[in-house]
Amino acid sequence: MVATPKWRFEYNLNTLVIIFGFAGLIAWGATWERVKANQDSQANSIDRLDKRLTAAEVSLRQIDNHELRIPAVEKQAAEAATSMKAVENTLNSLSINTRVMREIPQRIEASQRDGAQLLR
């Protein structure tokens, strides 16, 4: 009688490579799916950041524009103040000249009165 062979548990290298290969393929597929799913959310985040950056650039341009205008307005204000001082000085000199012009006829009238009183 022939003896029945004993069952032995052995690892076959090809079987292990195929099993790990399928497991790696499944893991790669799951990872790829997660990457693709996150790619849309990342694209939305990039769009949102791009819009924020555009808005910030617009604000920065406005600030730059104001920074250019403010010194010009300050210069105009200084020039206006200088012009007002010149006008004030001119008005003061005209006031003095007007006062002198009033005094001249008064002195003439006074001298004529004094001369008329001496003749009497």
Protein backbone atom coordinates (compact mmCIF):
# COMPACT_ATOMS: atom_id res chain seq x y z
CA MET A 1 0.00 0.00 0.00
CA VAL A 2 1.17 3.43 -0.94
CA ALA A 3 1.34 5.92 1.84
CA THR A 4 -0.64 9.08 1.39
CA PRO A 5 1.57 12.06 1.10
CA LYS A 6 1.63 14.42 4.03
CA TRP A 7 0.36 17.87 3.34
CA ARG A 8 2.99 20.52 3.74
CA PHE A 9 2.41 24.24 3.92
CA GLU A 10 4.89 25.97 1.63
CA TYR A 11 5.11 29.51 0.36
CA ASN A 12 5.23 29.84 -3.40
CA LEU A 13 7.19 32.96 -4.40
CA ASN A 14 5.10 33.60 -7.54
CA THR A 15 1.89 33.47 -5.54
CA LEU A 16 3.25 35.94 -2.98
CA VAL A 17 4.44 38.32 -5.73
CA ILE A 18 1.05 38.22 -7.44
CA ILE A 19 -0.85 38.78 -4.15
CA PHE A 20 1.36 41.73 -3.16
CA GLY A 21 1.15 43.06 -6.71
CA PHE A 22 -2.66 43.06 -6.64
CA ALA A 23 -2.63 44.63 -3.17
CA GLY A 24 -0.22 47.31 -4.42
CA LEU A 25 -2.38 47.92 -7.50
CA ILE A 26 -5.48 48.33 -5.33
CA ALA A 27 -3.63 50.68 -2.96
CA TRP A 28 -2.31 52.69 -5.92
CA GLY A 29 -5.84 52.97 -7.34
CA ALA A 30 -7.24 54.16 -3.99
CA THR A 31 -4.42 56.69 -3.67
CA TRP A 32 -5.00 57.91 -7.23
CA GLU A 33 -8.71 58.34 -6.49
CA ARG A 34 -7.91 60.43 -3.41
CA VAL A 35 -5.47 62.56 -5.41
CA LYS A 36 -8.08 63.18 -8.11
CA ALA A 37 -10.75 63.99 -5.50
CA ASN A 38 -8.46 66.47 -3.75
CA GLN A 39 -7.39 67.99 -7.04
CA ASP A 40 -10.81 69.63 -7.52
CA SER A 41 -10.83 71.10 -4.02
CA GLN A 42 -7.27 72.36 -4.52
CA ALA A 43 -8.29 73.94 -7.85
CA ASN A 44 -11.16 75.71 -6.05
CA SER A 45 -8.77 76.91 -3.36
CA ILE A 46 -6.37 78.20 -6.01
CA ASP A 47 -9.20 80.06 -7.75
CA ARG A 48 -10.30 81.58 -4.45
CA LEU A 49 -6.74 82.69 -3.65
CA ASP A 50 -6.37 84.11 -7.15
CA LYS A 51 -9.50 86.21 -6.65
CA ARG A 52 -8.25 87.41 -3.27
CA LEU A 53 -4.88 88.31 -4.77
CA THR A 54 -6.58 90.22 -7.59
CA ALA A 55 -8.66 92.16 -5.04
CA ALA A 56 -5.53 92.89 -3.00
CA GLU A 57 -3.72 94.14 -6.11
CA VAL A 58 -6.63 96.48 -6.89
CA SER A 59 -6.49 97.86 -3.34
CA LEU A 60 -2.73 98.23 -3.59
CA ARG A 61 -3.07 100.18 -6.84
CA GLN A 62 -5.59 102.48 -5.19
CA ILE A 63 -3.24 103.02 -2.26
CA ASP A 64 -0.37 103.73 -4.65
CA ASN A 65 -2.59 106.20 -6.50
CA HIS A 66 -3.47 107.91 -3.22
CA GLU A 67 0.19 107.99 -2.24
CA LEU A 68 0.91 109.80 -5.49
CA ARG A 69 -1.97 112.23 -5.08
CA ILE A 70 -1.44 113.16 -1.43
CA PRO A 71 1.97 114.83 -1.96
CA ALA A 72 0.55 116.72 -4.95
CA VAL A 73 -2.37 117.97 -2.83
CA GLU A 74 0.00 118.91 0.00
CA LYS A 75 2.16 120.83 -2.46
CA GLN A 76 -0.89 122.63 -3.81
CA ALA A 77 -2.00 123.48 -0.27
CA ALA A 78 1.45 124.88 0.52
CA GLU A 79 1.40 126.93 -2.69
CA ALA A 80 -2.10 128.17 -1.86
CA ALA A 81 -0.94 129.22 1.61
CA THR A 82 2.01 131.06 0.07
CA SER A 83 -0.31 132.76 -2.41
CA MET A 84 -2.70 133.74 0.39
CA LYS A 85 0.19 135.29 2.33
CA ALA A 86 1.16 137.25 -0.77
CA VAL A 87 -2.44 138.44 -1.20
CA GLU A 88 -2.56 139.36 2.49
CA ASN A 89 0.66 141.35 2.18
CA THR A 90 -0.68 143.11 -0.91
CA LEU A 91 -3.94 143.96 0.87
CA ASN A 92 -2.00 145.29 3.86
CA SER A 93 0.13 147.52 1.64
CA LEU A 94 -3.02 148.71 -0.18
CA SER A 95 -4.62 149.46 3.17
CA ILE A 96 -1.61 151.50 4.19
CA ASN A 97 -1.61 153.31 0.84
CA THR A 98 -5.34 154.04 1.19
CA ARG A 99 -4.81 155.45 4.68
CA VAL A 100 -2.00 157.68 3.40
CA MET A 101 -4.21 158.77 0.49
CA ARG A 102 -6.92 159.78 2.99
CA GLU A 103 -4.45 161.66 5.13
CA ILE A 104 -3.10 163.70 2.20
CA PRO A 105 -6.42 165.48 1.43
CA GLN A 106 -7.00 165.98 5.16
CA ARG A 107 -3.60 167.65 5.51
CA ILE A 108 -4.27 169.79 2.44
CA GLU A 109 -7.64 170.85 3.85
CA ALA A 110 -6.08 171.54 7.24
CA SER A 111 -3.31 173.64 5.71
CA GLN A 112 -5.87 175.58 3.64
CA ARG A 113 -7.96 176.20 6.74
CA ASP A 114 -4.93 177.35 8.69
CA GLY A 115 -3.91 179.64 5.83
CA ALA A 116 -7.44 181.07 5.56
CA GLN A 117 -7.52 181.78 9.26
CA LEU A 118 -4.20 183.61 9.04
CA LEU A 119 -5.54 185.85 6.25
CA ARG A 120 -8.53 186.97 8.29
